[in-house]
Amino acid sequence: MQTLLWIVVFLLTFTIMEFMAWFTHKYVMHGFLWVLHRDHHHKDHGSWWERNDFFFIFYALISIGCFLLWQYENVWIGLPIGLGIFAYGFTYFMVHDIFIHQRFKLFRNANNWYAKGIRRAHKIHHKHLGKEDGECFGMLLPPTKYFKTK
C-alpha cells in the first residue's frame, strides 16, 4: 500500500507541475517577473545563459527542500513530491530547452504528431515579443488545436 501511495503522490505531483508551469509562466514570468523572462523572448542577449534560467533554479530548490524534508525530518511524502518536481523539471528541460530551442543539438529529427504539436504551440507563444497578448503558456499539454493538421 505504501508503494502505491508513493507512486500516486509522485504522478500527482508531476501532473500538478504542468499546471504550475502554466500558472507561473502566464502570471509570474509574463507578469511581475517579466524582467527575468524577457531575454527568453528577445534573443539579443548574446549569451547561452538567460535570466529566465533562474526559474529552473527556483523549482530545483523547492525539489531539494522536499528531499531534505524527507531525509532529515523523516517526512515520507517529501521524497515522492521532490522526485515529481525533479522529473517534471527534467522533462521540461528536455522538451523546452533541448528539443524546442535546441540549446543542445539533440532530437532535431523528432517529427511525430506530438512533437509537431508542441513545436507549433511554442512557436505561437514566441511570436509575441512583449509580456502581453501571450498564449500557449503550458508545455507538455498545449491546446489540442496545435495537434491538428490542415
Protein backbone atom coordinates (compact mmCIF):
# COMPACT_ATOMS: atom_id res chain seq x y z
CA MET A 1 0.00 0.00 0.00
CA GLN A 2 2.84 2.40 0.85
CA THR A 3 4.42 1.89 -2.59
CA LEU A 4 1.13 2.57 -4.36
CA LEU A 5 0.60 5.76 -2.33
CA TRP A 6 4.18 6.85 -3.12
CA ILE A 7 3.57 6.32 -6.87
CA VAL A 8 0.24 8.19 -6.75
CA VAL A 9 1.87 11.17 -4.97
CA PHE A 10 4.74 11.18 -7.50
CA LEU A 11 2.38 11.09 -10.52
CA LEU A 12 0.05 13.67 -8.99
CA THR A 13 2.99 15.99 -8.31
CA PHE A 14 4.26 15.59 -11.88
CA THR A 15 0.78 16.36 -13.22
CA ILE A 16 0.26 19.37 -10.95
CA MET A 17 3.62 20.75 -12.11
CA GLU A 18 2.22 21.19 -15.62
CA PHE A 19 -0.45 23.48 -14.15
CA MET A 20 2.21 25.20 -12.00
CA ALA A 21 4.35 25.76 -15.11
CA TRP A 22 1.37 27.23 -16.95
CA PHE A 23 0.39 29.45 -14.00
CA THR A 24 3.95 30.59 -13.30
CA HIS A 25 4.58 31.25 -16.98
CA LYS A 26 1.39 33.24 -17.50
CA TYR A 27 1.14 35.22 -14.26
CA VAL A 28 4.71 35.42 -12.96
CA MET A 29 7.02 35.23 -15.99
CA HIS A 30 4.71 37.34 -18.14
CA GLY A 31 3.76 39.37 -15.09
CA PHE A 32 5.81 40.90 -12.31
CA LEU A 33 8.98 38.90 -13.13
CA TRP A 34 8.98 39.72 -16.85
CA VAL A 35 12.40 41.27 -16.21
CA LEU A 36 13.76 37.72 -15.81
CA HIS A 37 11.77 36.15 -18.65
CA ARG A 38 12.14 38.90 -21.27
CA ASP A 39 15.51 37.70 -22.56
CA HIS A 40 13.94 34.35 -23.44
CA HIS A 41 11.66 36.10 -25.95
CA HIS A 42 14.32 38.54 -27.15
CA LYS A 43 17.41 36.67 -28.23
CA ASP A 44 19.51 39.84 -28.20
CA HIS A 45 21.42 38.99 -25.03
CA GLY A 46 24.26 37.12 -26.78
CA SER A 47 24.68 34.50 -24.07
CA TRP A 48 23.91 30.84 -23.63
CA TRP A 49 22.66 31.65 -20.12
CA GLU A 50 19.38 33.55 -19.84
CA ARG A 51 17.98 35.29 -16.78
CA ASN A 52 14.96 33.12 -17.48
CA ASP A 53 17.03 30.14 -16.25
CA PHE A 54 16.60 31.39 -12.68
CA PHE A 55 13.11 29.88 -12.78
CA PHE A 56 14.69 26.42 -13.14
CA ILE A 57 16.86 27.15 -10.12
CA PHE A 58 13.79 28.17 -8.10
CA TYR A 59 12.00 24.89 -8.76
CA ALA A 60 15.21 22.92 -8.19
CA LEU A 61 15.47 24.50 -4.74
CA ILE A 62 11.86 23.54 -3.98
CA SER A 63 12.62 19.96 -5.05
CA ILE A 64 15.79 19.87 -2.94
CA GLY A 65 13.80 21.22 0.02
CA CYS A 66 11.39 18.29 -0.34
CA PHE A 67 14.31 15.84 -0.40
CA LEU A 68 15.73 17.43 2.74
CA LEU A 69 12.35 17.24 4.44
CA TRP A 70 12.26 13.52 3.70
CA GLN A 71 15.91 12.89 4.62
CA TYR A 72 16.29 14.93 7.81
CA GLU A 73 12.73 15.28 9.13
CA ASN A 74 11.60 11.78 8.11
CA VAL A 75 8.56 13.12 6.26
CA TRP A 76 7.94 10.34 3.72
CA ILE A 77 5.88 12.47 1.33
CA GLY A 78 8.85 14.76 0.73
CA LEU A 79 10.55 12.12 -1.42
CA PRO A 80 7.78 11.48 -3.99
CA ILE A 81 6.96 15.20 -4.17
CA GLY A 82 10.63 16.12 -4.61
CA LEU A 83 11.06 13.44 -7.27
CA GLY A 84 7.86 14.52 -9.03
CA ILE A 85 9.08 18.12 -9.22
CA PHE A 86 12.52 16.93 -10.37
CA ALA A 87 11.03 14.61 -13.03
CA TYR A 88 8.84 17.40 -14.37
CA GLY A 89 11.79 19.82 -14.40
CA PHE A 90 13.93 17.29 -16.25
CA THR A 91 11.13 16.63 -18.75
CA TYR A 92 10.55 20.36 -19.20
CA PHE A 93 14.27 20.89 -19.80
CA MET A 94 14.40 18.07 -22.36
CA VAL A 95 11.30 19.30 -24.22
CA HIS A 96 11.74 23.08 -23.94
CA ASP A 97 15.47 23.70 -23.89
CA ILE A 98 16.80 20.75 -25.84
CA PHE A 99 14.00 19.73 -28.22
CA ILE A 100 12.34 23.08 -28.97
CA HIS A 101 15.08 25.68 -28.51
CA GLN A 102 17.97 23.35 -29.42
CA ARG A 103 20.31 24.59 -26.67
CA PHE A 104 21.99 21.24 -27.28
CA LYS A 105 21.70 19.78 -30.76
CA LEU A 106 19.64 16.70 -29.92
CA PHE A 107 16.24 15.39 -31.03
CA ARG A 108 16.34 17.50 -34.19
CA ASN A 109 14.57 14.89 -36.29
CA ALA A 110 11.65 14.15 -33.96
CA ASN A 111 8.68 14.58 -36.24
CA ASN A 112 5.71 12.69 -34.80
CA TRP A 113 2.30 14.29 -34.18
CA TYR A 114 3.11 15.16 -30.56
CA ALA A 115 6.47 16.75 -31.41
CA LYS A 116 4.87 18.81 -34.16
CA GLY A 117 2.07 19.97 -31.84
CA ILE A 118 4.49 21.01 -29.11
CA ARG A 119 6.60 22.93 -31.63
CA ARG A 120 3.55 24.69 -33.12
CA ALA A 121 2.23 25.79 -29.73
CA HIS A 122 5.62 27.06 -28.61
CA LYS A 123 6.16 28.92 -31.87
CA ILE A 124 2.82 30.68 -31.38
CA HIS A 125 3.87 31.58 -27.84
CA HIS A 126 7.13 33.12 -29.03
CA LYS A 127 5.55 35.18 -31.80
CA HIS A 128 4.58 37.65 -29.05
CA LEU A 129 7.66 39.62 -28.01
CA GLY A 130 6.00 41.55 -25.21
CA LYS A 131 4.59 40.27 -21.96
CA GLU A 132 1.02 40.98 -23.08
CA ASP A 133 -1.10 39.11 -25.62
CA GLY A 134 0.64 35.81 -24.99
CA GLU A 135 -0.89 32.38 -25.47
CA CYS A 136 0.14 28.74 -25.01
CA PHE A 137 1.75 29.06 -21.58
CA GLY A 138 1.87 25.35 -20.77
CA MET A 139 4.48 22.94 -22.04
CA LEU A 140 3.52 19.28 -22.19
CA LEU A 141 -0.23 19.68 -22.74
CA PRO A 142 -0.86 22.51 -25.18
CA PRO A 143 -4.36 23.06 -26.60
CA THR A 144 -5.48 20.31 -28.96
CA LYS A 145 -5.77 22.71 -31.91
CA TYR A 146 -1.96 22.59 -32.25
CA PHE A 147 -2.05 18.85 -32.90
CA LYS A 148 -4.43 19.12 -35.83
CA THR A 149 -3.04 19.13 -39.33
CA LYS A 150 -4.65 21.12 -42.10
